[in-house]
C-alpha atoms as a PDB file:
ATOM      1  CA  MET A   1     111.731 101.407  98.911  1.00  0.00           C
ATOM      2  CA  SER A   2     112.621  98.256 100.843  1.00  0.00           C
ATOM      3  CA  GLU A   3     112.682  94.790  99.336  1.00  0.00           C
ATOM      4  CA  VAL A   4     109.606  92.618  99.818  1.00  0.00           C
ATOM      5  CA  VAL A   5     110.312  89.971 102.448  1.00  0.00           C
ATOM      6  CA  ARG A   6     108.579  86.598 102.527  1.00  0.00           C
ATOM      7  CA  ASP A   7     109.140  83.688 104.899  1.00  0.00           C
ATOM      8  CA  LEU A   8     109.205  80.527 102.802  1.00  0.00           C
ATOM      9  CA  ASN A   9     109.467  78.277 105.862  1.00  0.00           C
ATOM     10  CA  VAL A  10     106.303  79.741 107.343  1.00  0.00           C
ATOM     11  CA  GLU A  11     104.538  79.480 103.977  1.00  0.00           C
ATOM     12  CA  GLN A  12     105.453  75.791 103.761  1.00  0.00           C
ATOM     13  CA  GLN A  13     104.307  75.161 107.340  1.00  0.00           C
ATOM     14  CA  LEU A  14     100.973  76.886 106.766  1.00  0.00           C
ATOM     15  CA  GLN A  15     100.353  75.027 103.520  1.00  0.00           C
ATOM     16  CA  ALA A  16     101.227  71.717 105.184  1.00  0.00           C
ATOM     17  CA  THR A  17      98.769  72.563 107.982  1.00  0.00           C
ATOM     18  CA  LEU A  18      95.982  73.110 105.450  1.00  0.00           C
ATOM     19  CA  ASP A  19      96.932  70.016 103.438  1.00  0.00           C
ATOM     20  CA  ALA A  20      96.729  67.897 106.589  1.00  0.00           C
ATOM     21  CA  GLY A  21      93.185  69.110 107.277  1.00  0.00           C
ATOM     22  CA  ASN A  22      94.111  71.300 110.236  1.00  0.00           C
ATOM     23  CA  LYS A  23      93.102  74.924 110.765  1.00  0.00           C
ATOM     24  CA  VAL A  24      94.862  78.155 109.839  1.00  0.00           C
ATOM     25  CA  TRP A  25      93.288  81.174 111.549  1.00  0.00           C
ATOM     26  CA  VAL A  26      94.000  84.673 110.221  1.00  0.00           C
ATOM     27  CA  ILE A  27      93.521  87.655 112.554  1.00  0.00           C
ATOM     28  CA  GLY A  28      93.206  91.331 111.633  1.00  0.00           C
ATOM     29  CA  ASP A  29      94.704  94.470 113.162  1.00  0.00           C
ATOM     30  CA  ILE A  30      95.037  94.219 116.969  1.00  0.00           C
ATOM     31  CA  HIS A  31      96.458  97.709 117.615  1.00  0.00           C
ATOM     32  CA  GLY A  32      97.653  97.173 121.155  1.00  0.00           C
ATOM     33  CA  HIS A  33      94.423  95.685 122.522  1.00  0.00           C
ATOM     34  CA  ARG A  34      95.847  92.735 124.412  1.00  0.00           C
ATOM     35  CA  ARG A  35      92.662  91.890 126.297  1.00  0.00           C
ATOM     36  CA  VAL A  36      90.638  91.729 123.074  1.00  0.00           C
ATOM     37  CA  PHE A  37      93.360  89.586 121.497  1.00  0.00           C
ATOM     38  CA  SER A  38      93.423  87.212 124.479  1.00  0.00           C
ATOM     39  CA  ASN A  39      89.631  86.935 124.376  1.00  0.00           C
ATOM     40  CA  LEU A  40      89.774  86.024 120.687  1.00  0.00           C
ATOM     41  CA  LEU A  41      92.504  83.415 121.199  1.00  0.00           C
ATOM     42  CA  ASN A  42      90.421  81.812 123.942  1.00  0.00           C
ATOM     43  CA  ALA A  43      87.381  81.780 121.657  1.00  0.00           C
ATOM     44  CA  ILE A  44      89.354  80.208 118.807  1.00  0.00           C
ATOM     45  CA  ASP A  45      90.844  77.583 121.140  1.00  0.00           C
ATOM     46  CA  PRO A  46      93.309  76.297 118.519  1.00  0.00           C
ATOM     47  CA  GLY A  47      94.228  72.639 118.465  1.00  0.00           C
ATOM     48  CA  PRO A  48      97.843  71.439 118.785  1.00  0.00           C
ATOM     49  CA  ASN A  49      98.278  71.253 115.001  1.00  0.00           C
ATOM     50  CA  ASP A  50      96.497  74.506 114.115  1.00  0.00           C
ATOM     51  CA  ARG A  51      98.260  77.749 113.170  1.00  0.00           C
ATOM     52  CA  ILE A  52      97.492  81.464 113.551  1.00  0.00           C
ATOM     53  CA  VAL A  53      98.619  84.350 111.319  1.00  0.00           C
ATOM     54  CA  ILE A  54      98.423  88.003 112.384  1.00  0.00           C
ATOM     55  CA  LEU A  55      98.151  90.461 109.482  1.00  0.00           C
ATOM     56  CA  GLY A  56     100.260  93.237 111.055  1.00  0.00           C
ATOM     57  CA  ASP A  57      99.514  96.353 113.091  1.00  0.00           C
ATOM     58  CA  LEU A  58     100.009  94.596 116.405  1.00  0.00           C
ATOM     59  CA  ILE A  59     100.906  97.941 117.910  1.00  0.00           C
ATOM     60  CA  ASP A  60      99.749 101.550 118.497  1.00  0.00           C
ATOM     61  CA  ARG A  61      96.524 103.176 119.715  1.00  0.00           C
ATOM     62  CA  GLY A  62      95.583 100.512 122.273  1.00  0.00           C
ATOM     63  CA  PRO A  63      96.940 100.340 125.843  1.00  0.00           C
ATOM     64  CA  ASP A  64      99.262  97.314 125.686  1.00  0.00           C
ATOM     65  CA  SER A  65     101.289  96.956 122.491  1.00  0.00           C
ATOM     66  CA  LYS A  66     104.115  95.411 124.485  1.00  0.00           C
ATOM     67  CA  GLY A  67     101.758  92.726 125.792  1.00  0.00           C
ATOM     68  CA  VAL A  68     100.428  91.924 122.319  1.00  0.00           C
ATOM     69  CA  ILE A  69     103.953  91.483 120.992  1.00  0.00           C
ATOM     70  CA  GLU A  70     104.850  89.291 123.958  1.00  0.00           C
ATOM     71  CA  ILE A  71     102.010  86.886 123.140  1.00  0.00           C
ATOM     72  CA  CYS A  72     102.916  86.778 119.441  1.00  0.00           C
ATOM     73  CA  ARG A  73     106.632  86.275 119.968  1.00  0.00           C
ATOM     74  CA  TYR A  74     106.446  83.414 122.396  1.00  0.00           C
ATOM     75  CA  ARG A  75     103.600  81.274 121.078  1.00  0.00           C
ATOM     76  CA  ASP A  76     104.860  78.635 118.662  1.00  0.00           C
ATOM     77  CA  ASP A  77     101.562  78.536 116.764  1.00  0.00           C
ATOM     78  CA  ILE A  78     101.561  82.249 115.799  1.00  0.00           C
ATOM     79  CA  SER A  79     103.200  83.846 112.744  1.00  0.00           C
ATOM     80  CA  VAL A  80     103.137  87.611 112.177  1.00  0.00           C
ATOM     81  CA  LEU A  81     103.258  89.901 109.157  1.00  0.00           C
ATOM     82  CA  GLN A  82     104.561  93.450 109.225  1.00  0.00           C
ATOM     83  CA  GLY A  83     101.996  96.239 108.972  1.00  0.00           C
ATOM     84  CA  ASN A  84     102.368  99.911 108.167  1.00  0.00           C
ATOM     85  CA  HIS A  85     102.461 100.801 111.872  1.00  0.00           C
ATOM     86  CA  GLU A  86     105.409  98.464 112.402  1.00  0.00           C
ATOM     87  CA  GLU A  87     107.101 100.001 109.364  1.00  0.00           C
ATOM     88  CA  MET A  88     106.656 103.485 110.821  1.00  0.00           C
ATOM     89  CA  MET A  89     108.003 102.320 114.176  1.00  0.00           C
ATOM     90  CA  LEU A  90     111.101 100.918 112.435  1.00  0.00           C
ATOM     91  CA  SER A  91     111.591 104.170 110.496  1.00  0.00           C
ATOM     92  CA  GLY A  92     113.107 105.541 113.700  1.00  0.00           C
ATOM     93  CA  PHE A  93     116.312 103.720 112.789  1.00  0.00           C
ATOM     94  CA  GLY A  94     116.826 106.036 109.821  1.00  0.00           C
ATOM     95  CA  SER A  95     118.785 103.448 107.817  1.00  0.00           C
ATOM     96  CA  PRO A  96     118.790  99.638 107.765  1.00  0.00           C
ATOM     97  CA  ASP A  97     122.240  99.369 109.361  1.00  0.00           C
ATOM     98  CA  SER A  98     121.669 101.993 112.057  1.00  0.00           C
ATOM     99  CA  GLU A  99     121.860 100.955 115.712  1.00  0.00           C
ATOM    100  CA  ILE A 100     120.357 104.182 117.030  1.00  0.00           C
ATOM    101  CA  TRP A 101     116.575 104.381 117.216  1.00  0.00           C
ATOM    102  CA  SER A 102     114.763 107.681 117.569  1.00  0.00           C
ATOM    103  CA  PRO A 103     110.977 107.430 117.207  1.00  0.00           C
ATOM    104  CA  ALA A 104     109.608 109.444 114.312  1.00  0.00           C
ATOM    105  CA  SER A 105     107.130 112.167 115.259  1.00  0.00           C
ATOM    106  CA  SER A 106     104.836 111.007 112.450  1.00  0.00           C
ATOM    107  CA  TRP A 107     104.680 107.570 114.078  1.00  0.00           C
ATOM    108  CA  THR A 108     103.986 108.854 117.579  1.00  0.00           C
ATOM    109  CA  TYR A 109     101.184 111.005 116.146  1.00  0.00           C
ATOM    110  CA  ILE A 110      99.273 108.022 114.670  1.00  0.00           C
ATOM    111  CA  GLY A 111      99.433 105.887 117.804  1.00  0.00           C
ATOM    112  CA  GLY A 112     103.083 105.307 118.592  1.00  0.00           C
ATOM    113  CA  LYS A 113     102.854 107.370 121.769  1.00  0.00           C
ATOM    114  CA  SER A 114     100.721 104.675 123.392  1.00  0.00           C
ATOM    115  CA  THR A 115     103.209 102.018 122.291  1.00  0.00           C
ATOM    116  CA  MET A 116     106.066 103.952 123.872  1.00  0.00           C
ATOM    117  CA  HIS A 117     104.024 104.277 127.054  1.00  0.00           C
ATOM    118  CA  SER A 118     103.562 100.501 127.248  1.00  0.00           C
ATOM    119  CA  TYR A 119     107.376 100.110 127.285  1.00  0.00           C
ATOM    120  CA  ARG A 120     108.032 102.976 129.673  1.00  0.00           C
ATOM    121  CA  THR A 121     109.674 100.745 132.313  1.00  0.00           C
ATOM    122  CA  ASP A 122     111.381  98.286 129.972  1.00  0.00           C
ATOM    123  CA  MET A 123     113.564  99.908 127.338  1.00  0.00           C
ATOM    124  CA  MET A 124     115.647  96.748 126.961  1.00  0.00           C
ATOM    125  CA  ARG A 125     112.553  94.830 125.930  1.00  0.00           C
ATOM    126  CA  LEU A 126     111.701  97.601 123.462  1.00  0.00           C
ATOM    127  CA  LYS A 127     115.107  97.246 121.802  1.00  0.00           C
ATOM    128  CA  ASP A 128     114.718  93.467 121.583  1.00  0.00           C
ATOM    129  CA  ASP A 129     111.197  93.710 120.181  1.00  0.00           C
ATOM    130  CA  LEU A 130     112.316  96.226 117.576  1.00  0.00           C
ATOM    131  CA  GLN A 131     114.868  93.710 116.331  1.00  0.00           C
ATOM    132  CA  TRP A 132     112.144  91.046 116.119  1.00  0.00           C
ATOM    133  CA  ILE A 133     109.785  93.389 114.261  1.00  0.00           C
ATOM    134  CA  SER A 134     112.522  94.129 111.708  1.00  0.00           C
ATOM    135  CA  THR A 135     112.531  90.428 110.694  1.00  0.00           C
ATOM    136  CA  LEU A 136     108.796  90.158 109.976  1.00  0.00           C
ATOM    137  CA  PRO A 137     107.749  89.323 106.390  1.00  0.00           C
ATOM    138  CA  HIS A 138     105.516  91.563 104.280  1.00  0.00           C
ATOM    139  CA  MET A 139     103.495  88.839 102.554  1.00  0.00           C
ATOM    140  CA  LEU A 140     102.785  85.107 102.729  1.00  0.00           C
ATOM    141  CA  ILE A 141     101.725  83.228  99.585  1.00  0.00           C
ATOM    142  CA  LEU A 142      99.959  79.863  99.791  1.00  0.00           C
ATOM    143  CA  ASN A 143      98.451  77.707  97.064  1.00  0.00           C
ATOM    144  CA  GLU A 144      95.041  79.389  97.264  1.00  0.00           C
ATOM    145  CA  TRP A 145      95.667  82.407  99.504  1.00  0.00           C
ATOM    146  CA  ILE A 146      97.672  85.614  99.776  1.00  0.00           C
ATOM    147  CA  LEU A 147      98.037  86.943 103.321  1.00  0.00           C
ATOM    148  CA  VAL A 148      99.089  90.585 103.531  1.00  0.00           C
ATOM    149  CA  HIS A 149      98.519  93.669 105.654  1.00  0.00           C
ATOM    150  CA  ALA A 150      96.985  96.199 103.236  1.00  0.00           C
ATOM    151  CA  GLY A 151      96.522  94.434  99.891  1.00  0.00           C
ATOM    152  CA  ILE A 152      98.361  94.067  96.605  1.00  0.00           C
ATOM    153  CA  GLU A 153      98.730  96.013  93.390  1.00  0.00           C
ATOM    154  CA  PRO A 154      96.083  94.123  91.379  1.00  0.00           C
ATOM    155  CA  ASP A 155      97.666  94.659  87.951  1.00  0.00           C
ATOM    156  CA  SER A 156     101.129  93.417  88.956  1.00  0.00           C
ATOM    157  CA  PRO A 157     102.329  89.807  89.289  1.00  0.00           C
ATOM    158  CA  LEU A 158     103.204  88.721  92.816  1.00  0.00           C
ATOM    159  CA  GLU A 159     106.944  88.743  92.141  1.00  0.00           C
ATOM    160  CA  GLU A 160     106.751  92.436  91.160  1.00  0.00           C
ATOM    161  CA  GLN A 161     104.909  93.819  94.197  1.00  0.00           C
ATOM    162  CA  PHE A 162     106.299  96.721  96.249  1.00  0.00           C
ATOM    163  CA  THR A 163     106.315  97.039 100.023  1.00  0.00           C
ATOM    164  CA  ASP A 164     104.556 100.419  99.825  1.00  0.00           C
ATOM    165  CA  ASP A 165     101.535  98.687  98.299  1.00  0.00           C
ATOM    166  CA  LEU A 166     101.619  95.660 100.592  1.00  0.00           C
ATOM    167  CA  LEU A 167     101.653  97.901 103.674  1.00  0.00           C
ATOM    168  CA  TRP A 168      99.683 100.992 102.576  1.00  0.00           C
ATOM    169  CA  ILE A 169      97.458 100.408  99.522  1.00  0.00           C
ATOM    170  CA  ARG A 170      93.736 101.096  99.812  1.00  0.00           C
ATOM    171  CA  GLY A 171      91.227 102.022  97.096  1.00  0.00           C
ATOM    172  CA  SER A 172      93.191 101.022  94.021  1.00  0.00           C
ATOM    173  CA  PHE A 173      93.273  97.499  95.465  1.00  0.00           C
ATOM    174  CA  TYR A 174      89.811  96.941  96.865  1.00  0.00           C
ATOM    175  CA  ARG A 175      88.022  98.903  94.113  1.00  0.00           C
ATOM    176  CA  ALA A 176      89.767  96.965  91.329  1.00  0.00           C
ATOM    177  CA  THR A 177      87.584  95.003  88.939  1.00  0.00           C
ATOM    178  CA  GLU A 178      90.408  92.856  87.541  1.00  0.00           C
ATOM    179  CA  PHE A 179      93.196  90.973  89.309  1.00  0.00           C
ATOM    180  CA  ARG A 180      96.312  89.496  87.705  1.00  0.00           C
ATOM    181  CA  ASP A 181      96.219  86.445  90.005  1.00  0.00           C
ATOM    182  CA  LYS A 182      92.746  84.895  89.872  1.00  0.00           C
ATOM    183  CA  SER A 183      93.681  81.659  91.628  1.00  0.00           C
ATOM    184  CA  ARG A 184      94.294  83.130  95.106  1.00  0.00           C
ATOM    185  CA  CYS A 185      92.069  85.059  97.485  1.00  0.00           C
ATOM    186  CA  VAL A 186      93.750  87.971  99.292  1.00  0.00           C
ATOM    187  CA  VAL A 187      93.073  88.223 103.039  1.00  0.00           C
ATOM    188  CA  PHE A 188      94.020  91.645 104.406  1.00  0.00           C
ATOM    189  CA  GLY A 189      93.525  94.127 107.234  1.00  0.00           C
ATOM    190  CA  HIS A 190      94.562  97.825 107.301  1.00  0.00           C
ATOM    191  CA  THR A 191      91.260  99.337 106.113  1.00  0.00           C
ATOM    192  CA  ILE A 192      88.521  99.230 108.750  1.00  0.00           C
ATOM    193  CA  THR A 193      85.621  97.585 106.994  1.00  0.00           C
ATOM    194  CA  HIS A 194      82.922 100.070 108.012  1.00  0.00           C
ATOM    195  CA  ASN A 195      85.149 103.014 107.039  1.00  0.00           C
ATOM    196  CA  GLY A 196      86.436 101.966 103.629  1.00  0.00           C
ATOM    197  CA  LEU A 197      84.735  98.799 102.412  1.00  0.00           C
ATOM    198  CA  GLY A 198      81.090  99.800 102.660  1.00  0.00           C
ATOM    199  CA  CYS A 199      80.266  97.374 105.466  1.00  0.00           C
ATOM    200  CA  GLU A 200      78.119  97.631 108.533  1.00  0.00           C
ATOM    201  CA  ILE A 201      79.972  97.927 111.851  1.00  0.00           C
ATOM    202  CA  GLY A 202      81.630  94.604 112.664  1.00  0.00           C
ATOM    203  CA  GLU A 203      81.114  93.058 109.216  1.00  0.00           C
ATOM    204  CA  ILE A 204      83.999  91.664 107.249  1.00  0.00           C
ATOM    205  CA  GLY A 205      84.470  92.911 103.689  1.00  0.00           C
ATOM    206  CA  LEU A 206      83.992  90.643 100.676  1.00  0.00           C
ATOM    207  CA  SER A 207      84.998  91.484  97.121  1.00  0.00           C
ATOM    208  CA  LYS A 208      82.301  91.427  94.466  1.00  0.00           C
ATOM    209  CA  VAL A 209      85.004  90.199  92.076  1.00  0.00           C
ATOM    210  CA  ALA A 210      85.463  86.423  92.126  1.00  0.00           C
ATOM    211  CA  CYS A 211      88.472  84.133  91.902  1.00  0.00           C
ATOM    212  CA  ASP A 212      88.394  81.381  89.288  1.00  0.00           C
ATOM    213  CA  ASP A 213      86.937  78.976  91.876  1.00  0.00           C
ATOM    214  CA  GLY A 214      84.168  81.367  92.941  1.00  0.00           C
ATOM    215  CA  ARG A 215      85.681  82.635  96.185  1.00  0.00           C
ATOM    216  CA  PRO A 216      85.803  86.432  96.596  1.00  0.00           C
ATOM    217  CA  ALA A 217      88.975  87.992  95.183  1.00  0.00           C
ATOM    218  CA  TRP A 218      89.616  89.518  98.618  1.00  0.00           C
ATOM    219  CA  ILE A 219      88.386  89.343 102.204  1.00  0.00           C
ATOM    220  CA  GLY A 220      88.946  92.372 104.470  1.00  0.00           C
ATOM    221  CA  ILE A 221      89.038  91.494 108.175  1.00  0.00           C
ATOM    222  CA  ASP A 222      90.010  94.708 109.993  1.00  0.00           C
ATOM    223  CA  THR A 223      86.690  95.199 111.770  1.00  0.00           C
ATOM    224  CA  GLY A 224      88.019  97.954 114.014  1.00  0.00           C
ATOM    225  CA  ALA A 225      89.370  96.562 117.280  1.00  0.00           C
ATOM    226  CA  CYS A 226      90.667 100.085 117.922  1.00  0.00           C
ATOM    227  CA  ASP A 227      87.479 101.840 116.748  1.00  0.00           C
ATOM    228  CA  PRO A 228      85.065 102.831 119.553  1.00  0.00           C
ATOM    229  CA  LEU A 229      82.126 102.272 117.205  1.00  0.00           C
ATOM    230  CA  SER A 230      83.096  98.613 116.818  1.00  0.00           C
ATOM    231  CA  GLY A 231      85.759  97.081 119.050  1.00  0.00           C
ATOM    232  CA  TRP A 232      85.468  93.736 117.239  1.00  0.00           C
ATOM    233  CA  LEU A 233      88.651  91.806 116.462  1.00  0.00           C
ATOM    234  CA  THR A 234      88.107  89.203 113.757  1.00  0.00           C
ATOM    235  CA  ALA A 235      89.610  85.832 112.902  1.00  0.00           C
ATOM    236  CA  ILE A 236      88.702  83.705 109.888  1.00  0.00           C
ATOM    237  CA  GLU A 237      89.721  80.105 109.257  1.00  0.00           C
ATOM    238  CA  LEU A 238      90.993  79.468 105.759  1.00  0.00           C
ATOM    239  CA  THR A 239      89.706  75.948 105.150  1.00  0.00           C
ATOM    240  CA  SER A 240      86.126  76.286 106.390  1.00  0.00           C
ATOM    241  CA  GLY A 241      85.490  80.028 106.201  1.00  0.00           C
ATOM    242  CA  GLU A 242      84.573  79.936 109.899  1.00  0.00           C
ATOM    243  CA  CYS A 243      84.586  83.400 111.501  1.00  0.00           C
ATOM    244  CA  ILE A 244      85.039  84.247 115.197  1.00  0.00           C
ATOM    245  CA  GLN A 245      85.004  87.763 116.659  1.00  0.00           C
ATOM    246  CA  ALA A 246      85.761  89.096 120.136  1.00  0.00           C
ATOM    247  CA  ARG A 247      85.693  92.402 122.010  1.00  0.00           C
ATOM    248  CA  GLY A 248      87.259  93.744 125.182  1.00  0.00           C
ATOM    249  CA  ASP A 249      84.000  93.389 127.125  1.00  0.00           C
ATOM    250  CA  PHE A 250      84.362  89.587 126.753  1.00  0.00           C
ATOM    251  CA  LYS A 251      81.601  89.372 124.149  1.00  0.00           C
ATOM    252  CA  THR A 252      82.272  86.923 121.327  1.00  0.00           C
ATOM    253  CA  ARG A 253      80.312  85.786 118.305  1.00  0.00           C
ATOM    254  CA  HIS A 254      80.701  82.968 115.851  1.00  0.00           C
ATOM    255  CA  PHE A 255      79.689  82.462 112.211  1.00  0.00           C
ATOM    256  CA  GLU A 256      79.915  79.137 110.420  1.00  0.00           C
ATOM    257  CA  GLU A 257      81.205  80.881 107.284  1.00  0.00           C
ATOM    258  CA  ALA A 258      82.950  84.238 106.993  1.00  0.00           C
ATOM    259  CA  TRP A 259      80.386  85.564 104.529  1.00  0.00           C
ATOM    260  CA  ALA A 260      77.664  84.836 107.108  1.00  0.00           C
ATOM    261  CA  CYS A 261      78.974  87.894 109.000  1.00  0.00           C
ATOM    262  CA  HIS A 262      76.699  89.742 106.591  1.00  0.00           C
END
């Protein structure tokens, strides 16, 4: 089980952005849908002092994982977390110090084949992007927020979390009725909201358990960009609760507060 990685510099930058009254947008699972991602970025139209965080699963299933990574790597306003699909992609190294990468069949089966196809003419870029992916943190902790791909183990303090939970957890997190940390709201992706969180198609998920300040204990924002029933990619803004969604057909929609998606 690998050690949990955080990026303290990014955490400080994000907190400073919020403290200065600027916007921090958090985006759910993109899964290789570059056009949807580009549509959402255009709809957000971030200002020069705003920041964007992607909750992992940039890759797999959609047609252009390479293109999604290219946007995320070379925009100064974007920070990225590792998701379980990135972890499975990296498992092809076998060991942390290995220099030989052989894609795992389990990864190709859940969407990695489309990622490989997007790199079919640029293996050097694939090698470079793999190195970048290996540096991504598993969790970002701010004063009032926890940003993570799948969720947290609700009974454990933040310093005792495991990567398996941060990247893979489902029901034991979002069905929990008690959380150790009641001062921070967890924003996560991983579980498509209409599949696991009891939402209508395109709705974000909101915990019925509350933080000490009344905010929901968690907000689930994987609204299924890769799901043919939905296609919506979601961004929420941490200060205002503003919610913007986009699809590949250039449709967008906007809600003044995230919970107004319901």
